[in-house]
PDB file of all heavy atoms in Angstrom:
ATOM      1  N   TYR A   1     102.701 -54.607-127.652  1.00  0.00           N
ATOM      2  CA  TYR A   1     102.981 -55.235-126.408  1.00  0.00           C
ATOM      3  C   TYR A   1     104.431 -55.146-126.009  1.00  0.00           C
ATOM      4  O   TYR A   1     105.347 -55.009-126.803  1.00  0.00           O
ATOM      5  CB  TYR A   1     102.608 -56.809-126.576  1.00  0.00           C
ATOM      6  CG  TYR A   1     101.251 -57.006-126.967  1.00  0.00           C
ATOM      7  CD1 TYR A   1     100.913 -57.108-128.299  1.00  0.00           C
ATOM      8  CD2 TYR A   1     100.156 -57.012-126.075  1.00  0.00           C
ATOM      9  CE1 TYR A   1      99.592 -57.300-128.764  1.00  0.00           C
ATOM     10  CE2 TYR A   1      98.819 -57.192-126.473  1.00  0.00           C
ATOM     11  CZ  TYR A   1      98.564 -57.329-127.792  1.00  0.00           C
ATOM     12  OH  TYR A   1      97.234 -57.460-128.223  1.00  0.00           O
ATOM     13  N   VAL A   2     104.649 -55.141-124.647  1.00  0.00           N
ATOM     14  CA  VAL A   2     105.973 -55.015-124.103  1.00  0.00           C
ATOM     15  C   VAL A   2     106.170 -56.071-122.969  1.00  0.00           C
ATOM     16  O   VAL A   2     105.241 -56.578-122.372  1.00  0.00           O
ATOM     17  CB  VAL A   2     106.215 -53.583-123.505  1.00  0.00           C
ATOM     18  CG1 VAL A   2     106.225 -52.556-124.552  1.00  0.00           C
ATOM     19  CG2 VAL A   2     105.136 -53.248-122.508  1.00  0.00           C
ATOM     20  N   LEU A   3     107.416 -56.319-122.690  1.00  0.00           N
ATOM     21  CA  LEU A   3     107.753 -57.132-121.557  1.00  0.00           C
ATOM     22  C   LEU A   3     107.982 -56.123-120.330  1.00  0.00           C
ATOM     23  O   LEU A   3     108.427 -55.056-120.502  1.00  0.00           O
ATOM     24  CB  LEU A   3     109.142 -57.893-121.803  1.00  0.00           C
ATOM     25  CG  LEU A   3     109.723 -58.613-120.598  1.00  0.00           C
ATOM     26  CD1 LEU A   3     108.870 -59.814-120.271  1.00  0.00           C
ATOM     27  CD2 LEU A   3     111.159 -59.081-121.006  1.00  0.00           C
ATOM     28  N   ALA A   4     107.509 -56.561-119.180  1.00  0.00           N
ATOM     29  CA  ALA A   4     107.625 -55.738-117.983  1.00  0.00           C
ATOM     30  C   ALA A   4     107.882 -56.508-116.763  1.00  0.00           C
ATOM     31  O   ALA A   4     107.666 -57.752-116.686  1.00  0.00           O
ATOM     32  CB  ALA A   4     106.235 -54.994-117.755  1.00  0.00           C
ATOM     33  N   ASN A   5     108.588 -55.896-115.781  1.00  0.00           N
ATOM     34  CA  ASN A   5     108.788 -56.411-114.462  1.00  0.00           C
ATOM     35  C   ASN A   5     108.080 -55.563-113.468  1.00  0.00           C
ATOM     36  O   ASN A   5     108.513 -54.400-113.263  1.00  0.00           O
ATOM     37  CB  ASN A   5     110.356 -56.463-114.163  1.00  0.00           C
ATOM     38  CG  ASN A   5     110.689 -57.225-112.946  1.00  0.00           C
ATOM     39  OD1 ASN A   5     109.756 -57.669-112.289  1.00  0.00           O
ATOM     40  ND2 ASN A   5     111.921 -57.401-112.707  1.00  0.00           N
ATOM     41  N   ASP A   6     107.030 -56.053-112.929  1.00  0.00           N
ATOM     42  CA  ASP A   6     106.209 -55.249-111.896  1.00  0.00           C
ATOM     43  C   ASP A   6     106.894 -55.487-110.517  1.00  0.00           C
ATOM     44  O   ASP A   6     106.456 -56.245-109.724  1.00  0.00           O
ATOM     45  CB  ASP A   6     104.855 -55.745-111.904  1.00  0.00           C
ATOM     46  CG  ASP A   6     103.914 -55.064-110.856  1.00  0.00           C
ATOM     47  OD1 ASP A   6     104.367 -54.050-110.330  1.00  0.00           O
ATOM     48  OD2 ASP A   6     102.881 -55.664-110.541  1.00  0.00           O
ATOM     49  N   VAL A   7     108.035 -54.804-110.291  1.00  0.00           N
ATOM     50  CA  VAL A   7     108.774 -54.896-109.089  1.00  0.00           C
ATOM     51  C   VAL A   7     107.888 -54.357-107.968  1.00  0.00           C
ATOM     52  O   VAL A   7     107.223 -53.357-108.146  1.00  0.00           O
ATOM     53  CB  VAL A   7     110.142 -54.125-109.224  1.00  0.00           C
ATOM     54  CG1 VAL A   7     110.917 -54.358-107.852  1.00  0.00           C
ATOM     55  CG2 VAL A   7     110.909 -54.632-110.386  1.00  0.00           C
ATOM     56  N   SER A   8     107.885 -54.997-106.834  1.00  0.00           N
ATOM     57  CA  SER A   8     107.046 -54.690-105.708  1.00  0.00           C
ATOM     58  C   SER A   8     107.748 -54.748-104.311  1.00  0.00           C
ATOM     59  O   SER A   8     108.560 -55.693-104.166  1.00  0.00           O
ATOM     60  CB  SER A   8     105.844 -55.712-105.678  1.00  0.00           C
ATOM     61  OG  SER A   8     105.301 -55.817-106.933  1.00  0.00           O
ATOM     62  N   GLU A   9     107.514 -53.840-103.435  1.00  0.00           N
ATOM     63  CA  GLU A   9     107.953 -53.928-102.017  1.00  0.00           C
ATOM     64  C   GLU A   9     106.783 -54.398-101.264  1.00  0.00           C
ATOM     65  O   GLU A   9     105.835 -53.639-100.973  1.00  0.00           O
ATOM     66  CB  GLU A   9     108.415 -52.523-101.559  1.00  0.00           C
ATOM     67  CG  GLU A   9     109.583 -52.550-100.545  1.00  0.00           C
ATOM     68  CD  GLU A   9     109.629 -53.667 -99.634  1.00  0.00           C
ATOM     69  OE1 GLU A   9     108.706 -53.813 -98.767  1.00  0.00           O
ATOM     70  OE2 GLU A   9     110.556 -54.340 -99.616  1.00  0.00           O
ATOM     71  N   ARG A  10     106.779 -55.650-100.920  1.00  0.00           N
ATOM     72  CA  ARG A  10     105.595 -56.263-100.318  1.00  0.00           C
ATOM     73  C   ARG A  10     105.197 -55.695 -99.027  1.00  0.00           C
ATOM     74  O   ARG A  10     104.092 -55.612 -98.649  1.00  0.00           O
ATOM     75  CB  ARG A  10     105.784 -57.812-100.145  1.00  0.00           C
ATOM     76  CG  ARG A  10     106.165 -58.529-101.444  1.00  0.00           C
ATOM     77  CD  ARG A  10     105.015 -58.481-102.385  1.00  0.00           C
ATOM     78  NE  ARG A  10     105.314 -59.387-103.587  1.00  0.00           N
ATOM     79  CZ  ARG A  10     104.597 -59.342-104.685  1.00  0.00           C
ATOM     80  NH1 ARG A  10     103.551 -58.477-104.820  1.00  0.00           N
ATOM     81  NH2 ARG A  10     104.915 -60.224-105.659  1.00  0.00           N
ATOM     82  N   ALA A  11     106.193 -55.227 -98.137  1.00  0.00           N
ATOM     83  CA  ALA A  11     105.809 -54.658 -96.837  1.00  0.00           C
ATOM     84  C   ALA A  11     105.065 -53.390 -97.088  1.00  0.00           C
ATOM     85  O   ALA A  11     104.046 -53.101 -96.363  1.00  0.00           O
ATOM     86  CB  ALA A  11     107.133 -54.449 -95.985  1.00  0.00           C
ATOM     87  N   TYR A  12     105.537 -52.542 -98.068  1.00  0.00           N
ATOM     88  CA  TYR A  12     104.833 -51.326 -98.346  1.00  0.00           C
ATOM     89  C   TYR A  12     103.411 -51.645 -98.932  1.00  0.00           C
ATOM     90  O   TYR A  12     102.465 -50.925 -98.684  1.00  0.00           O
ATOM     91  CB  TYR A  12     105.615 -50.500 -99.375  1.00  0.00           C
ATOM     92  CG  TYR A  12     106.917 -49.992 -98.991  1.00  0.00           C
ATOM     93  CD1 TYR A  12     107.722 -49.237 -99.836  1.00  0.00           C
ATOM     94  CD2 TYR A  12     107.389 -50.158 -97.670  1.00  0.00           C
ATOM     95  CE1 TYR A  12     108.959 -48.781 -99.519  1.00  0.00           C
ATOM     96  CE2 TYR A  12     108.687 -49.649 -97.336  1.00  0.00           C
ATOM     97  CZ  TYR A  12     109.390 -48.945 -98.217  1.00  0.00           C
ATOM     98  OH  TYR A  12     110.586 -48.445 -97.854  1.00  0.00           O
ATOM     99  N   GLN A  13     103.380 -52.678 -99.735  1.00  0.00           N
ATOM    100  CA  GLN A  13     102.143 -53.027-100.415  1.00  0.00           C
ATOM    101  C   GLN A  13     101.061 -53.605 -99.465  1.00  0.00           C
ATOM    102  O   GLN A  13      99.873 -53.179 -99.584  1.00  0.00           O
ATOM    103  CB  GLN A  13     102.435 -54.139-101.398  1.00  0.00           C
ATOM    104  CG  GLN A  13     101.168 -54.648-102.232  1.00  0.00           C
ATOM    105  CD  GLN A  13     101.533 -55.819-103.130  1.00  0.00           C
ATOM    106  OE1 GLN A  13     102.730 -56.117-103.322  1.00  0.00           O
ATOM    107  NE2 GLN A  13     100.510 -56.413-103.710  1.00  0.00           N
ATOM    108  N   SER A  14     101.493 -54.330 -98.498  1.00  0.00           N
ATOM    109  CA  SER A  14     100.476 -55.110 -97.739  1.00  0.00           C
ATOM    110  C   SER A  14     100.476 -54.886 -96.171  1.00  0.00           C
ATOM    111  O   SER A  14      99.530 -55.267 -95.507  1.00  0.00           O
ATOM    112  CB  SER A  14     100.627 -56.594 -97.923  1.00  0.00           C
ATOM    113  OG  SER A  14     100.516 -56.924 -99.270  1.00  0.00           O
ATOM    114  N   GLU A  15     101.559 -54.213 -95.689  1.00  0.00           N
ATOM    115  CA  GLU A  15     101.725 -54.131 -94.256  1.00  0.00           C
ATOM    116  C   GLU A  15     101.644 -52.621 -93.809  1.00  0.00           C
ATOM    117  O   GLU A  15     101.838 -52.457 -92.530  1.00  0.00           O
ATOM    118  CB  GLU A  15     102.997 -54.777 -93.806  1.00  0.00           C
ATOM    119  CG  GLU A  15     103.128 -56.280 -94.148  1.00  0.00           C
ATOM    120  CD  GLU A  15     104.475 -56.818 -93.919  1.00  0.00           C
ATOM    121  OE1 GLU A  15     105.281 -56.155 -93.197  1.00  0.00           O
ATOM    122  OE2 GLU A  15     104.765 -57.873 -94.486  1.00  0.00           O
ATOM    123  N   ARG A  16     101.454 -51.702 -94.682  1.00  0.00           N
ATOM    124  CA  ARG A  16     101.440 -50.292 -94.300  1.00  0.00           C
ATOM    125  C   ARG A  16     100.178 -49.675 -94.500  1.00  0.00           C
ATOM    126  O   ARG A  16     100.097 -48.429 -94.463  1.00  0.00           O
ATOM    127  CB  ARG A  16     102.564 -49.585 -95.128  1.00  0.00           C
ATOM    128  CG  ARG A  16     103.932 -50.141 -94.964  1.00  0.00           C
ATOM    129  CD  ARG A  16     104.565 -49.729 -93.643  1.00  0.00           C
ATOM    130  NE  ARG A  16     104.716 -48.299 -93.567  1.00  0.00           N
ATOM    131  CZ  ARG A  16     105.800 -47.612 -93.957  1.00  0.00           C
ATOM    132  NH1 ARG A  16     106.810 -48.258 -94.509  1.00  0.00           N
ATOM    133  NH2 ARG A  16     105.881 -46.354 -93.762  1.00  0.00           N
ATOM    134  N   GLY A  17      99.029 -50.444 -94.628  1.00  0.00           N
ATOM    135  CA  GLY A  17      97.731 -49.843 -94.691  1.00  0.00           C
ATOM    136  C   GLY A  17      97.472 -49.231 -96.122  1.00  0.00           C
ATOM    137  O   GLY A  17      98.399 -49.094 -96.923  1.00  0.00           O
ATOM    138  N   GLY A  18      96.233 -48.932 -96.433  1.00  0.00           N
ATOM    139  CA  GLY A  18      95.871 -48.321 -97.706  1.00  0.00           C
ATOM    140  C   GLY A  18      95.925 -49.209 -98.857  1.00  0.00           C
ATOM    141  O   GLY A  18      95.734 -50.437 -98.715  1.00  0.00           O
ATOM    142  N   GLN A  19      96.199 -48.675 -99.958  1.00  0.00           N
ATOM    143  CA  GLN A  19      96.161 -49.418-101.223  1.00  0.00           C
ATOM    144  C   GLN A  19      97.544 -49.981-101.609  1.00  0.00           C
ATOM    145  O   GLN A  19      98.560 -49.637-100.989  1.00  0.00           O
ATOM    146  CB  GLN A  19      95.679 -48.479-102.404  1.00  0.00           C
ATOM    147  CG  GLN A  19      94.347 -47.878-102.090  1.00  0.00           C
ATOM    148  CD  GLN A  19      93.275 -48.950-101.929  1.00  0.00           C
ATOM    149  OE1 GLN A  19      93.082 -49.814-102.774  1.00  0.00           O
ATOM    150  NE2 GLN A  19      92.463 -48.809-100.840  1.00  0.00           N
ATOM    151  N   TRP A  20      97.568 -50.792-102.613  1.00  0.00           N
ATOM    152  CA  TRP A  20      98.835 -51.466-103.131  1.00  0.00           C
ATOM    153  C   TRP A  20      99.817 -50.451-103.743  1.00  0.00           C
ATOM    154  O   TRP A  20     101.012 -50.744-103.808  1.00  0.00           O
ATOM    155  CB  TRP A  20      98.518 -52.531-104.099  1.00  0.00           C
ATOM    156  CG  TRP A  20      97.867 -53.681-103.604  1.00  0.00           C
ATOM    157  CD1 TRP A  20      97.357 -53.968-102.311  1.00  0.00           C
ATOM    158  CD2 TRP A  20      97.456 -54.931-104.340  1.00  0.00           C
ATOM    159  NE1 TRP A  20      96.815 -55.217-102.203  1.00  0.00           N
ATOM    160  CE2 TRP A  20      96.829 -55.776-103.487  1.00  0.00           C
ATOM    161  CE3 TRP A  20      97.566 -55.250-105.692  1.00  0.00           C
ATOM    162  CZ2 TRP A  20      96.408 -57.022-103.860  1.00  0.00           C
ATOM    163  CZ3 TRP A  20      97.177 -56.492-106.098  1.00  0.00           C
ATOM    164  CH2 TRP A  20      96.485 -57.339-105.184  1.00  0.00           C
ATOM    165  N   ASP A  21      99.295 -49.326-104.241  1.00  0.00           N
ATOM    166  CA  ASP A  21     100.093 -48.504-105.074  1.00  0.00           C
ATOM    167  C   ASP A  21     101.485 -48.131-104.492  1.00  0.00           C
ATOM    168  O   ASP A  21     102.537 -48.059-105.217  1.00  0.00           O
ATOM    169  CB  ASP A  21      99.397 -47.196-105.418  1.00  0.00           C
ATOM    170  CG  ASP A  21      98.036 -47.424-106.084  1.00  0.00           C
ATOM    171  OD1 ASP A  21      97.346 -48.358-105.613  1.00  0.00           O
ATOM    172  OD2 ASP A  21      97.677 -46.633-106.945  1.00  0.00           O
ATOM    173  N   LYS A  22     101.510 -47.903-103.209  1.00  0.00           N
ATOM    174  CA  LYS A  22     102.831 -47.401-102.649  1.00  0.00           C
ATOM    175  C   LYS A  22     103.893 -48.553-102.580  1.00  0.00           C
ATOM    176  O   LYS A  22     105.062 -48.255-102.429  1.00  0.00           O
ATOM    177  CB  LYS A  22     102.580 -46.805-101.241  1.00  0.00           C
ATOM    178  CG  LYS A  22     102.027 -47.753-100.178  1.00  0.00           C
ATOM    179  CD  LYS A  22     101.567 -46.929 -98.943  1.00  0.00           C
ATOM    180  CE  LYS A  22     100.899 -47.835 -97.947  1.00  0.00           C
ATOM    181  NZ  LYS A  22     100.341 -47.007 -96.829  1.00  0.00           N
ATOM    182  N   GLY A  23     103.447 -49.765-102.634  1.00  0.00           N
ATOM    183  CA  GLY A  23     104.378 -50.838-102.743  1.00  0.00           C
ATOM    184  C   GLY A  23     104.817 -51.163-104.161  1.00  0.00           C
ATOM    185  O   GLY A  23     105.702 -52.012-104.405  1.00  0.00           O
ATOM    186  N   LYS A  24     104.253 -50.449-105.118  1.00  0.00           N
ATOM    187  CA  LYS A  24     104.497 -50.734-106.600  1.00  0.00           C
ATOM    188  C   LYS A  24     105.153 -49.586-107.331  1.00  0.00           C
ATOM    189  O   LYS A  24     105.556 -49.795-108.439  1.00  0.00           O
ATOM    190  CB  LYS A  24     103.038 -50.967-107.248  1.00  0.00           C
ATOM    191  CG  LYS A  24     102.372 -52.186-106.714  1.00  0.00           C
ATOM    192  CD  LYS A  24     102.898 -53.509-107.212  1.00  0.00           C
ATOM    193  CE  LYS A  24     102.053 -54.650-106.863  1.00  0.00           C
ATOM    194  NZ  LYS A  24     102.492 -55.904-107.601  1.00  0.00           N
ATOM    195  N   SER A  25     105.350 -48.505-106.679  1.00  0.00           N
ATOM    196  CA  SER A  25     105.667 -47.212-107.412  1.00  0.00           C
ATOM    197  C   SER A  25     107.043 -46.640-107.221  1.00  0.00           C
ATOM    198  O   SER A  25     107.281 -45.577-107.631  1.00  0.00           O
ATOM    199  CB  SER A  25     104.532 -46.215-107.099  1.00  0.00           C
ATOM    200  OG  SER A  25     103.289 -46.633-107.708  1.00  0.00           O
ATOM    201  N   TYR A  26     107.898 -47.298-106.415  1.00  0.00           N
ATOM    202  CA  TYR A  26     109.216 -46.719-106.133  1.00  0.00           C
ATOM    203  C   TYR A  26     110.007 -46.585-107.473  1.00  0.00           C
ATOM    204  O   TYR A  26     109.715 -47.287-108.427  1.00  0.00           O
ATOM    205  CB  TYR A  26     110.029 -47.661-105.213  1.00  0.00           C
ATOM    206  CG  TYR A  26     111.165 -46.903-104.501  1.00  0.00           C
ATOM    207  CD1 TYR A  26     110.988 -46.011-103.553  1.00  0.00           C
ATOM    208  CD2 TYR A  26     112.458 -47.166-104.939  1.00  0.00           C
ATOM    209  CE1 TYR A  26     111.959 -45.398-102.958  1.00  0.00           C
ATOM    210  CE2 TYR A  26     113.559 -46.507-104.346  1.00  0.00           C
ATOM    211  CZ  TYR A  26     113.274 -45.536-103.393  1.00  0.00           C
ATOM    212  OH  TYR A  26     114.324 -44.885-102.762  1.00  0.00           O
ATOM    213  N   ASP A  27     110.807 -45.530-107.578  1.00  0.00           N
ATOM    214  CA  ASP A  27     111.607 -45.292-108.745  1.00  0.00           C
ATOM    215  C   ASP A  27     112.353 -46.561-109.156  1.00  0.00           C
ATOM    216  O   ASP A  27     112.915 -47.207-108.286  1.00  0.00           O
ATOM    217  CB  ASP A  27     112.622 -44.185-108.492  1.00  0.00           C
ATOM    218  CG  ASP A  27     112.008 -42.808-108.309  1.00  0.00           C
ATOM    219  OD1 ASP A  27     110.773 -42.717-108.339  1.00  0.00           O
ATOM    220  OD2 ASP A  27     112.767 -41.872-108.040  1.00  0.00           O
ATOM    221  N   SER A  28     112.256 -46.866-110.422  1.00  0.00           N
ATOM    222  CA  SER A  28     112.916 -48.064-111.073  1.00  0.00           C
ATOM    223  C   SER A  28     112.026 -49.391-110.867  1.00  0.00           C
ATOM    224  O   SER A  28     112.473 -50.393-111.379  1.00  0.00           O
ATOM    225  CB  SER A  28     114.222 -48.411-110.542  1.00  0.00           C
ATOM    226  OG  SER A  28     114.276 -49.032-109.256  1.00  0.00           O
ATOM    227  N   PHE A  29     110.821 -49.259-110.302  1.00  0.00           N
ATOM    228  CA  PHE A  29     110.004 -50.487-110.086  1.00  0.00           C
ATOM    229  C   PHE A  29     109.111 -50.831-111.330  1.00  0.00           C
ATOM    230  O   PHE A  29     108.268 -51.728-111.187  1.00  0.00           O
ATOM    231  CB  PHE A  29     109.165 -50.225-108.933  1.00  0.00           C
ATOM    232  CG  PHE A  29     109.725 -50.616-107.577  1.00  0.00           C
ATOM    233  CD1 PHE A  29     111.078 -50.682-107.396  1.00  0.00           C
ATOM    234  CD2 PHE A  29     108.917 -50.900-106.483  1.00  0.00           C
ATOM    235  CE1 PHE A  29     111.618 -51.081-106.177  1.00  0.00           C
ATOM    236  CE2 PHE A  29     109.464 -51.322-105.273  1.00  0.00           C
ATOM    237  CZ  PHE A  29     110.833 -51.318-105.158  1.00  0.00           C
TER     238      PHE A  29
END
């Protein structure tokens, strides 16, 4: 097991259409 920080850009996640992945996947996230 590991500790993680699931950093998220909420506008990309929920306001730009499609799936959540693009709000979750920026470098360092």
